[in-house]
Amino acid sequence: KMRALSATQKTLLREHKGKHSAKHM
């Protein structure tokens, strides 16, 4: 089962997405 991402994980991904492709994300 896929679990929901925590608030911290969402923040990390949001900051990370500027440097990487949509497929990578």
mmCIF file of all heavy atoms, coordinates in Angstrom:
data_MODEL
# 
_entry.id   MODEL 
# 
loop_
_atom_site.group_PDB 
_atom_site.id 
_atom_site.type_symbol 
_atom_site.label_atom_id 
_atom_site.label_alt_id 
_atom_site.label_comp_id 
_atom_site.label_asym_id 
_atom_site.label_entity_id 
_atom_site.label_seq_id 
_atom_site.pdbx_PDB_ins_code 
_atom_site.Cartn_x 
_atom_site.Cartn_y 
_atom_site.Cartn_z 
_atom_site.occupancy 
_atom_site.B_iso_or_equiv 
_atom_site.pdbx_formal_charge 
_atom_site.auth_seq_id 
_atom_site.auth_comp_id 
_atom_site.auth_asym_id 
_atom_site.auth_atom_id 
_atom_site.pdbx_PDB_model_num 
ATOM 1   N N   . LYS A 1 1  ? 0.856  -1.185 0.000   1.00 0.00 ? 1  LYS A N   1 
ATOM 2   C CA  . LYS A 1 1  ? 0.000  0.000  0.000   1.00 0.00 ? 1  LYS A CA  1 
ATOM 3   C C   . LYS A 1 1  ? 0.888  1.229  0.000   1.00 0.00 ? 1  LYS A C   1 
ATOM 4   O O   . LYS A 1 1  ? 1.885  1.290  0.709   1.00 0.00 ? 1  LYS A O   1 
ATOM 5   C CB  . LYS A 1 1  ? -0.895 0.019  1.238   1.00 0.00 ? 1  LYS A CB  1 
ATOM 6   C CG  . LYS A 1 1  ? -2.015 -0.975 1.188   1.00 0.00 ? 1  LYS A CG  1 
ATOM 7   C CD  . LYS A 1 1  ? -2.957 -0.766 2.345   1.00 0.00 ? 1  LYS A CD  1 
ATOM 8   C CE  . LYS A 1 1  ? -4.111 -1.743 2.249   1.00 0.00 ? 1  LYS A CE  1 
ATOM 9   N NZ  . LYS A 1 1  ? -5.016 -1.590 3.381   1.00 0.00 ? 1  LYS A NZ  1 
ATOM 10  N N   . MET A 1 2  ? 0.522  2.186  -0.823  1.00 0.00 ? 2  MET A N   1 
ATOM 11  C CA  . MET A 1 2  ? 1.273  3.428  -0.879  1.00 0.00 ? 2  MET A CA  1 
ATOM 12  C C   . MET A 1 2  ? 0.821  4.319  0.266   1.00 0.00 ? 2  MET A C   1 
ATOM 13  O O   . MET A 1 2  ? -0.372 4.496  0.478   1.00 0.00 ? 2  MET A O   1 
ATOM 14  C CB  . MET A 1 2  ? 1.032  4.147  -2.205  1.00 0.00 ? 2  MET A CB  1 
ATOM 15  C CG  . MET A 1 2  ? 1.553  3.395  -3.387  1.00 0.00 ? 2  MET A CG  1 
ATOM 16  S SD  . MET A 1 2  ? 3.339  3.247  -3.268  1.00 0.00 ? 2  MET A SD  1 
ATOM 17  C CE  . MET A 1 2  ? 3.734  3.072  -4.959  1.00 0.00 ? 2  MET A CE  1 
ATOM 18  N N   . ARG A 1 3  ? 1.788  4.835  0.993   1.00 0.00 ? 3  ARG A N   1 
ATOM 19  C CA  . ARG A 1 3  ? 1.414  5.708  2.101   1.00 0.00 ? 3  ARG A CA  1 
ATOM 20  C C   . ARG A 1 3  ? 1.564  7.167  1.691   1.00 0.00 ? 3  ARG A C   1 
ATOM 21  O O   . ARG A 1 3  ? 2.305  7.482  0.767   1.00 0.00 ? 3  ARG A O   1 
ATOM 22  C CB  . ARG A 1 3  ? 2.245  5.389  3.331   1.00 0.00 ? 3  ARG A CB  1 
ATOM 23  C CG  . ARG A 1 3  ? 3.736  5.458  3.115   1.00 0.00 ? 3  ARG A CG  1 
ATOM 24  C CD  . ARG A 1 3  ? 4.451  5.111  4.382   1.00 0.00 ? 3  ARG A CD  1 
ATOM 25  N NE  . ARG A 1 3  ? 5.566  4.237  4.060   1.00 0.00 ? 3  ARG A NE  1 
ATOM 26  C CZ  . ARG A 1 3  ? 6.467  3.861  4.910   1.00 0.00 ? 3  ARG A CZ  1 
ATOM 27  N NH1 . ARG A 1 3  ? 6.399  4.261  6.142   1.00 0.00 ? 3  ARG A NH1 1 
ATOM 28  N NH2 . ARG A 1 3  ? 7.445  3.079  4.557   1.00 0.00 ? 3  ARG A NH2 1 
ATOM 29  N N   . ALA A 1 4  ? 0.879  8.008  2.390   1.00 0.00 ? 4  ALA A N   1 
ATOM 30  C CA  . ALA A 1 4  ? 0.931  9.442  2.099   1.00 0.00 ? 4  ALA A CA  1 
ATOM 31  C C   . ALA A 1 4  ? 2.280  10.001 2.548   1.00 0.00 ? 4  ALA A C   1 
ATOM 32  O O   . ALA A 1 4  ? 2.872  9.533  3.523   1.00 0.00 ? 4  ALA A O   1 
ATOM 33  C CB  . ALA A 1 4  ? -0.193 10.153 2.827   1.00 0.00 ? 4  ALA A CB  1 
ATOM 34  N N   . LEU A 1 5  ? 2.761  10.989 1.829   1.00 0.00 ? 5  LEU A N   1 
ATOM 35  C CA  . LEU A 1 5  ? 4.020  11.629 2.194   1.00 0.00 ? 5  LEU A CA  1 
ATOM 36  C C   . LEU A 1 5  ? 3.802  12.576 3.368   1.00 0.00 ? 5  LEU A C   1 
ATOM 37  O O   . LEU A 1 5  ? 2.757  13.223 3.469   1.00 0.00 ? 5  LEU A O   1 
ATOM 38  C CB  . LEU A 1 5  ? 4.568  12.420 1.009   1.00 0.00 ? 5  LEU A CB  1 
ATOM 39  C CG  . LEU A 1 5  ? 4.966  11.605 -0.222  1.00 0.00 ? 5  LEU A CG  1 
ATOM 40  C CD1 . LEU A 1 5  ? 5.368  12.547 -1.340  1.00 0.00 ? 5  LEU A CD1 1 
ATOM 41  C CD2 . LEU A 1 5  ? 6.083  10.649 0.089   1.00 0.00 ? 5  LEU A CD2 1 
ATOM 42  N N   . SER A 1 6  ? 4.799  12.653 4.226   1.00 0.00 ? 6  SER A N   1 
ATOM 43  C CA  . SER A 1 6  ? 4.712  13.569 5.372   1.00 0.00 ? 6  SER A CA  1 
ATOM 44  C C   . SER A 1 6  ? 4.941  15.001 4.889   1.00 0.00 ? 6  SER A C   1 
ATOM 45  O O   . SER A 1 6  ? 5.386  15.239 3.768   1.00 0.00 ? 6  SER A O   1 
ATOM 46  C CB  . SER A 1 6  ? 5.763  13.202 6.418   1.00 0.00 ? 6  SER A CB  1 
ATOM 47  O OG  . SER A 1 6  ? 7.059  13.486 5.927   1.00 0.00 ? 6  SER A OG  1 
ATOM 48  N N   . ALA A 1 7  ? 4.670  15.946 5.753   1.00 0.00 ? 7  ALA A N   1 
ATOM 49  C CA  . ALA A 1 7  ? 4.861  17.366 5.417   1.00 0.00 ? 7  ALA A CA  1 
ATOM 50  C C   . ALA A 1 7  ? 6.336  17.651 5.116   1.00 0.00 ? 7  ALA A C   1 
ATOM 51  O O   . ALA A 1 7  ? 6.662  18.413 4.195   1.00 0.00 ? 7  ALA A O   1 
ATOM 52  C CB  . ALA A 1 7  ? 4.376  18.244 6.559   1.00 0.00 ? 7  ALA A CB  1 
ATOM 53  N N   . THR A 1 8  ? 7.235  17.036 5.859   1.00 0.00 ? 8  THR A N   1 
ATOM 54  C CA  . THR A 1 8  ? 8.665  17.230 5.645   1.00 0.00 ? 8  THR A CA  1 
ATOM 55  C C   . THR A 1 8  ? 9.087  16.696 4.287   1.00 0.00 ? 8  THR A C   1 
ATOM 56  O O   . THR A 1 8  ? 9.849  17.344 3.562   1.00 0.00 ? 8  THR A O   1 
ATOM 57  C CB  . THR A 1 8  ? 9.479  16.509 6.751   1.00 0.00 ? 8  THR A CB  1 
ATOM 58  O OG1 . THR A 1 8  ? 9.007  16.941 8.025   1.00 0.00 ? 8  THR A OG1 1 
ATOM 59  C CG2 . THR A 1 8  ? 10.956 16.785 6.620   1.00 0.00 ? 8  THR A CG2 1 
ATOM 60  N N   . GLN A 1 9  ? 8.580  15.515 3.926   1.00 0.00 ? 9  GLN A N   1 
ATOM 61  C CA  . GLN A 1 9  ? 8.907  14.923 2.635   1.00 0.00 ? 9  GLN A CA  1 
ATOM 62  C C   . GLN A 1 9  ? 8.381  15.790 1.491   1.00 0.00 ? 9  GLN A C   1 
ATOM 63  O O   . GLN A 1 9  ? 9.071  15.984 0.489   1.00 0.00 ? 9  GLN A O   1 
ATOM 64  C CB  . GLN A 1 9  ? 8.328  13.516 2.521   1.00 0.00 ? 9  GLN A CB  1 
ATOM 65  C CG  . GLN A 1 9  ? 9.029  12.489 3.390   1.00 0.00 ? 9  GLN A CG  1 
ATOM 66  C CD  . GLN A 1 9  ? 8.351  11.145 3.345   1.00 0.00 ? 9  GLN A CD  1 
ATOM 67  O OE1 . GLN A 1 9  ? 7.135  11.054 3.323   1.00 0.00 ? 9  GLN A OE1 1 
ATOM 68  N NE2 . GLN A 1 9  ? 9.149  10.091 3.333   1.00 0.00 ? 9  GLN A NE2 1 
ATOM 69  N N   . LYS A 1 10 ? 7.182  16.317 1.647   1.00 0.00 ? 10 LYS A N   1 
ATOM 70  C CA  . LYS A 1 10 ? 6.606  17.180 0.618   1.00 0.00 ? 10 LYS A CA  1 
ATOM 71  C C   . LYS A 1 10 ? 7.463  18.431 0.420   1.00 0.00 ? 10 LYS A C   1 
ATOM 72  O O   . LYS A 1 10 ? 7.695  18.878 -0.708  1.00 0.00 ? 10 LYS A O   1 
ATOM 73  C CB  . LYS A 1 10 ? 5.184  17.578 0.979   1.00 0.00 ? 10 LYS A CB  1 
ATOM 74  C CG  . LYS A 1 10 ? 4.191  16.456 0.814   1.00 0.00 ? 10 LYS A CG  1 
ATOM 75  C CD  . LYS A 1 10 ? 2.802  16.899 1.220   1.00 0.00 ? 10 LYS A CD  1 
ATOM 76  C CE  . LYS A 1 10 ? 1.816  15.753 1.147   1.00 0.00 ? 10 LYS A CE  1 
ATOM 77  N NZ  . LYS A 1 10 ? 0.471  16.162 1.569   1.00 0.00 ? 10 LYS A NZ  1 
ATOM 78  N N   . THR A 1 11 ? 7.941  19.005 1.522   1.00 0.00 ? 11 THR A N   1 
ATOM 79  C CA  . THR A 1 11 ? 8.786  20.196 1.457   1.00 0.00 ? 11 THR A CA  1 
ATOM 80  C C   . THR A 1 11 ? 10.093 19.889 0.742   1.00 0.00 ? 11 THR A C   1 
ATOM 81  O O   . THR A 1 11 ? 10.530 20.655 -0.118  1.00 0.00 ? 11 THR A O   1 
ATOM 82  C CB  . THR A 1 11 ? 9.087  20.734 2.869   1.00 0.00 ? 11 THR A CB  1 
ATOM 83  O OG1 . THR A 1 11 ? 7.846  20.982 3.535   1.00 0.00 ? 11 THR A OG1 1 
ATOM 84  C CG2 . THR A 1 11 ? 9.900  22.011 2.824   1.00 0.00 ? 11 THR A CG2 1 
ATOM 85  N N   . LEU A 1 12 ? 10.707 18.755 1.089   1.00 0.00 ? 12 LEU A N   1 
ATOM 86  C CA  . LEU A 1 12 ? 11.959 18.357 0.444   1.00 0.00 ? 12 LEU A CA  1 
ATOM 87  C C   . LEU A 1 12 ? 11.766 18.175 -1.056  1.00 0.00 ? 12 LEU A C   1 
ATOM 88  O O   . LEU A 1 12 ? 12.586 18.629 -1.859  1.00 0.00 ? 12 LEU A O   1 
ATOM 89  C CB  . LEU A 1 12 ? 12.485 17.054 1.047   1.00 0.00 ? 12 LEU A CB  1 
ATOM 90  C CG  . LEU A 1 12 ? 13.165 17.147 2.400   1.00 0.00 ? 12 LEU A CG  1 
ATOM 91  C CD1 . LEU A 1 12 ? 13.387 15.755 2.977   1.00 0.00 ? 12 LEU A CD1 1 
ATOM 92  C CD2 . LEU A 1 12 ? 14.481 17.879 2.277   1.00 0.00 ? 12 LEU A CD2 1 
ATOM 93  N N   . LEU A 1 13 ? 10.687 17.527 -1.456  1.00 0.00 ? 13 LEU A N   1 
ATOM 94  C CA  . LEU A 1 13 ? 10.417 17.301 -2.873  1.00 0.00 ? 13 LEU A CA  1 
ATOM 95  C C   . LEU A 1 13 ? 10.151 18.614 -3.607  1.00 0.00 ? 13 LEU A C   1 
ATOM 96  O O   . LEU A 1 13 ? 10.590 18.796 -4.742  1.00 0.00 ? 13 LEU A O   1 
ATOM 97  C CB  . LEU A 1 13 ? 9.239  16.345 -3.055  1.00 0.00 ? 13 LEU A CB  1 
ATOM 98  C CG  . LEU A 1 13 ? 9.530  14.881 -2.729  1.00 0.00 ? 13 LEU A CG  1 
ATOM 99  C CD1 . LEU A 1 13 ? 8.243  14.063 -2.785  1.00 0.00 ? 13 LEU A CD1 1 
ATOM 100 C CD2 . LEU A 1 13 ? 10.562 14.301 -3.671  1.00 0.00 ? 13 LEU A CD2 1 
ATOM 101 N N   . ARG A 1 14 ? 9.444  19.536 -2.966  1.00 0.00 ? 14 ARG A N   1 
ATOM 102 C CA  . ARG A 1 14 ? 9.139  20.832 -3.575  1.00 0.00 ? 14 ARG A CA  1 
ATOM 103 C C   . ARG A 1 14 ? 10.433 21.599 -3.858  1.00 0.00 ? 14 ARG A C   1 
ATOM 104 O O   . ARG A 1 14 ? 10.595 22.205 -4.922  1.00 0.00 ? 14 ARG A O   1 
ATOM 105 C CB  . ARG A 1 14 ? 8.234  21.641 -2.660  1.00 0.00 ? 14 ARG A CB  1 
ATOM 106 C CG  . ARG A 1 14 ? 7.548  22.776 -3.350  1.00 0.00 ? 14 ARG A CG  1 
ATOM 107 C CD  . ARG A 1 14 ? 6.556  23.527 -2.467  1.00 0.00 ? 14 ARG A CD  1 
ATOM 108 N NE  . ARG A 1 14 ? 5.656  22.668 -1.717  1.00 0.00 ? 14 ARG A NE  1 
ATOM 109 C CZ  . ARG A 1 14 ? 5.574  22.623 -0.377  1.00 0.00 ? 14 ARG A CZ  1 
ATOM 110 N NH1 . ARG A 1 14 ? 6.341  23.392 0.365   1.00 0.00 ? 14 ARG A NH1 1 
ATOM 111 N NH2 . ARG A 1 14 ? 4.724  21.829 0.225   1.00 0.00 ? 14 ARG A NH2 1 
ATOM 112 N N   . GLU A 1 15 ? 11.380 21.572 -2.916  1.00 0.00 ? 15 GLU A N   1 
ATOM 113 C CA  . GLU A 1 15 ? 12.659 22.257 -3.095  1.00 0.00 ? 15 GLU A CA  1 
ATOM 114 C C   . GLU A 1 15 ? 13.515 21.559 -4.147  1.00 0.00 ? 15 GLU A C   1 
ATOM 115 O O   . GLU A 1 15 ? 14.266 22.193 -4.869  1.00 0.00 ? 15 GLU A O   1 
ATOM 116 C CB  . GLU A 1 15 ? 13.422 22.312 -1.774  1.00 0.00 ? 15 GLU A CB  1 
ATOM 117 C CG  . GLU A 1 15 ? 12.782 23.198 -0.735  1.00 0.00 ? 15 GLU A CG  1 
ATOM 118 C CD  . GLU A 1 15 ? 13.436 23.074 0.631   1.00 0.00 ? 15 GLU A CD  1 
ATOM 119 O OE1 . GLU A 1 15 ? 14.439 22.336 0.762   1.00 0.00 ? 15 GLU A OE1 1 
ATOM 120 O OE2 . GLU A 1 15 ? 12.927 23.701 1.571   1.00 0.00 ? 15 GLU A OE2 1 
ATOM 121 N N   . HIS A 1 16 ? 13.385 20.254 -4.236  1.00 0.00 ? 16 HIS A N   1 
ATOM 122 C CA  . HIS A 1 16 ? 14.201 19.417 -5.113  1.00 0.00 ? 16 HIS A CA  1 
ATOM 123 C C   . HIS A 1 16 ? 13.758 19.505 -6.568  1.00 0.00 ? 16 HIS A C   1 
ATOM 124 O O   . HIS A 1 16 ? 14.574 19.313 -7.475  1.00 0.00 ? 16 HIS A O   1 
ATOM 125 C CB  . HIS A 1 16 ? 14.097 17.973 -4.601  1.00 0.00 ? 16 HIS A CB  1 
ATOM 126 C CG  . HIS A 1 16 ? 15.070 17.006 -5.191  1.00 0.00 ? 16 HIS A CG  1 
ATOM 127 N ND1 . HIS A 1 16 ? 16.415 17.077 -4.963  1.00 0.00 ? 16 HIS A ND1 1 
ATOM 128 C CD2 . HIS A 1 16 ? 14.878 15.931 -5.991  1.00 0.00 ? 16 HIS A CD2 1 
ATOM 129 C CE1 . HIS A 1 16 ? 17.009 16.072 -5.599  1.00 0.00 ? 16 HIS A CE1 1 
ATOM 130 N NE2 . HIS A 1 16 ? 16.090 15.374 -6.228  1.00 0.00 ? 16 HIS A NE2 1 
ATOM 131 N N   . LYS A 1 17 ? 12.489 19.794 -6.817  1.00 0.00 ? 17 LYS A N   1 
ATOM 132 C CA  . LYS A 1 17 ? 11.951 19.696 -8.170  1.00 0.00 ? 17 LYS A CA  1 
ATOM 133 C C   . LYS A 1 17 ? 12.469 20.757 -9.137  1.00 0.00 ? 17 LYS A C   1 
ATOM 134 O O   . LYS A 1 17 ? 12.376 20.572 -10.344 1.00 0.00 ? 17 LYS A O   1 
ATOM 135 C CB  . LYS A 1 17 ? 10.426 19.691 -8.158  1.00 0.00 ? 17 LYS A CB  1 
ATOM 136 C CG  . LYS A 1 17 ? 9.757  21.017 -7.988  1.00 0.00 ? 17 LYS A CG  1 
ATOM 137 C CD  . LYS A 1 17 ? 8.265  20.852 -8.106  1.00 0.00 ? 17 LYS A CD  1 
ATOM 138 C CE  . LYS A 1 17 ? 7.559  22.178 -7.999  1.00 0.00 ? 17 LYS A CE  1 
ATOM 139 N NZ  . LYS A 1 17 ? 6.130  22.031 -8.082  1.00 0.00 ? 17 LYS A NZ  1 
ATOM 140 N N   . GLY A 1 18 ? 13.045 21.831 -8.642  1.00 0.00 ? 18 GLY A N   1 
ATOM 141 C CA  . GLY A 1 18 ? 13.591 22.852 -9.526  1.00 0.00 ? 18 GLY A CA  1 
ATOM 142 C C   . GLY A 1 18 ? 14.807 22.390 -10.296 1.00 0.00 ? 18 GLY A C   1 
ATOM 143 O O   . GLY A 1 18 ? 15.130 22.917 -11.354 1.00 0.00 ? 18 GLY A O   1 
ATOM 144 N N   . LYS A 1 19 ? 15.480 21.392 -9.785  1.00 0.00 ? 19 LYS A N   1 
ATOM 145 C CA  . LYS A 1 19 ? 16.741 20.925 -10.376 1.00 0.00 ? 19 LYS A CA  1 
ATOM 146 C C   . LYS A 1 19 ? 16.584 19.649 -11.186 1.00 0.00 ? 19 LYS A C   1 
ATOM 147 O O   . LYS A 1 19 ? 17.537 19.203 -11.813 1.00 0.00 ? 19 LYS A O   1 
ATOM 148 C CB  . LYS A 1 19 ? 17.759 20.686 -9.265  1.00 0.00 ? 19 LYS A CB  1 
ATOM 149 C CG  . LYS A 1 19 ? 18.037 21.902 -8.426  1.00 0.00 ? 19 LYS A CG  1 
ATOM 150 C CD  . LYS A 1 19 ? 18.877 21.549 -7.228  1.00 0.00 ? 19 LYS A CD  1 
ATOM 151 C CE  . LYS A 1 19 ? 18.920 22.716 -6.282  1.00 0.00 ? 19 LYS A CE  1 
ATOM 152 N NZ  . LYS A 1 19 ? 18.776 22.315 -4.914  1.00 0.00 ? 19 LYS A NZ  1 
ATOM 153 N N   . HIS A 1 20 ? 15.401 19.024 -11.149 1.00 0.00 ? 20 HIS A N   1 
ATOM 154 C CA  . HIS A 1 20 ? 15.235 17.713 -11.780 1.00 0.00 ? 20 HIS A CA  1 
ATOM 155 C C   . HIS A 1 20 ? 13.966 17.646 -12.631 1.00 0.00 ? 20 HIS A C   1 
ATOM 156 O O   . HIS A 1 20 ? 13.041 18.438 -12.461 1.00 0.00 ? 20 HIS A O   1 
ATOM 157 C CB  . HIS A 1 20 ? 15.205 16.619 -10.707 1.00 0.00 ? 20 HIS A CB  1 
ATOM 158 C CG  . HIS A 1 20 ? 16.495 16.517 -9.959  1.00 0.00 ? 20 HIS A CG  1 
ATOM 159 N ND1 . HIS A 1 20 ? 17.602 15.883 -10.461 1.00 0.00 ? 20 HIS A ND1 1 
ATOM 160 C CD2 . HIS A 1 20 ? 16.867 17.023 -8.765  1.00 0.00 ? 20 HIS A CD2 1 
ATOM 161 C CE1 . HIS A 1 20 ? 18.596 15.974 -9.586  1.00 0.00 ? 20 HIS A CE1 1 
ATOM 162 N NE2 . HIS A 1 20 ? 18.178 16.678 -8.549  1.00 0.00 ? 20 HIS A NE2 1 
ATOM 163 N N   . SER A 1 21 ? 13.935 16.645 -13.525 1.00 0.00 ? 21 SER A N   1 
ATOM 164 C CA  . SER A 1 21 ? 12.818 16.492 -14.449 1.00 0.00 ? 21 SER A CA  1 
ATOM 165 C C   . SER A 1 21 ? 11.569 15.955 -13.742 1.00 0.00 ? 21 SER A C   1 
ATOM 166 O O   . SER A 1 21 ? 11.641 15.422 -12.628 1.00 0.00 ? 21 SER A O   1 
ATOM 167 C CB  . SER A 1 21 ? 13.202 15.515 -15.569 1.00 0.00 ? 21 SER A CB  1 
ATOM 168 O OG  . SER A 1 21 ? 13.348 14.208 -15.049 1.00 0.00 ? 21 SER A OG  1 
ATOM 169 N N   . ALA A 1 22 ? 10.445 16.072 -14.431 1.00 0.00 ? 22 ALA A N   1 
ATOM 170 C CA  . ALA A 1 22 ? 9.177  15.584 -13.888 1.00 0.00 ? 22 ALA A CA  1 
ATOM 171 C C   . ALA A 1 22 ? 9.220  14.062 -13.716 1.00 0.00 ? 22 ALA A C   1 
ATOM 172 O O   . ALA A 1 22 ? 8.685  13.523 -12.748 1.00 0.00 ? 22 ALA A O   1 
ATOM 173 C CB  . ALA A 1 22 ? 8.028  15.980 -14.796 1.00 0.00 ? 22 ALA A CB  1 
ATOM 174 N N   . LYS A 1 23 ? 9.880  13.385 -14.638 1.00 0.00 ? 23 LYS A N   1 
ATOM 175 C CA  . LYS A 1 23 ? 9.979  11.919 -14.560 1.00 0.00 ? 23 LYS A CA  1 
ATOM 176 C C   . LYS A 1 23 ? 10.804 11.503 -13.338 1.00 0.00 ? 23 LYS A C   1 
ATOM 177 O O   . LYS A 1 23 ? 10.448 10.574 -12.623 1.00 0.00 ? 23 LYS A O   1 
ATOM 178 C CB  . LYS A 1 23 ? 10.612 11.383 -15.844 1.00 0.00 ? 23 LYS A CB  1 
ATOM 179 C CG  . LYS A 1 23 ? 10.413 9.926  -16.075 1.00 0.00 ? 23 LYS A CG  1 
ATOM 180 C CD  . LYS A 1 23 ? 10.845 9.546  -17.478 1.00 0.00 ? 23 LYS A CD  1 
ATOM 181 C CE  . LYS A 1 23 ? 10.548 8.090  -17.732 1.00 0.00 ? 23 LYS A CE  1 
ATOM 182 N NZ  . LYS A 1 23 ? 10.983 7.690  -19.070 1.00 0.00 ? 23 LYS A NZ  1 
ATOM 183 N N   . HIS A 1 24 ? 11.899 12.217 -13.105 1.00 0.00 ? 24 HIS A N   1 
ATOM 184 C CA  . HIS A 1 24 ? 12.743 11.967 -11.940 1.00 0.00 ? 24 HIS A CA  1 
ATOM 185 C C   . HIS A 1 24 ? 11.929 12.146 -10.657 1.00 0.00 ? 24 HIS A C   1 
ATOM 186 O O   . HIS A 1 24 ? 11.980 11.311 -9.751  1.00 0.00 ? 24 HIS A O   1 
ATOM 187 C CB  . HIS A 1 24 ? 13.932 12.947 -11.952 1.00 0.00 ? 24 HIS A CB  1 
ATOM 188 C CG  . HIS A 1 24 ? 14.797 12.909 -10.734 1.00 0.00 ? 24 HIS A CG  1 
ATOM 189 N ND1 . HIS A 1 24 ? 15.938 12.161 -10.668 1.00 0.00 ? 24 HIS A ND1 1 
ATOM 190 C CD2 . HIS A 1 24 ? 14.682 13.531 -9.538  1.00 0.00 ? 24 HIS A CD2 1 
ATOM 191 C CE1 . HIS A 1 24 ? 16.490 12.329 -9.474  1.00 0.00 ? 24 HIS A CE1 1 
ATOM 192 N NE2 . HIS A 1 24 ? 15.748 13.160 -8.771  1.00 0.00 ? 24 HIS A NE2 1 
ATOM 193 N N   . MET A 1 25 ? 11.149 13.213 -10.611 1.00 0.00 ? 25 MET A N   1 
ATOM 194 C CA  . MET A 1 25 ? 10.356 13.503 -9.421  1.00 0.00 ? 25 MET A CA  1 
ATOM 195 C C   . MET A 1 25 ? 9.262  12.452 -9.214  1.00 0.00 ? 25 MET A C   1 
ATOM 196 O O   . MET A 1 25 ? 8.981  12.062 -8.083  1.00 0.00 ? 25 MET A O   1 
ATOM 197 C CB  . MET A 1 25 ? 9.737  14.900 -9.511  1.00 0.00 ? 25 MET A CB  1 
ATOM 198 C CG  . MET A 1 25 ? 10.761 16.022 -9.531  1.00 0.00 ? 25 MET A CG  1 
ATOM 199 S SD  . MET A 1 25 ? 11.963 15.968 -8.191  1.00 0.00 ? 25 MET A SD  1 
ATOM 200 C CE  . MET A 1 25 ? 10.907 16.184 -6.781  1.00 0.00 ? 25 MET A CE  1 
# 
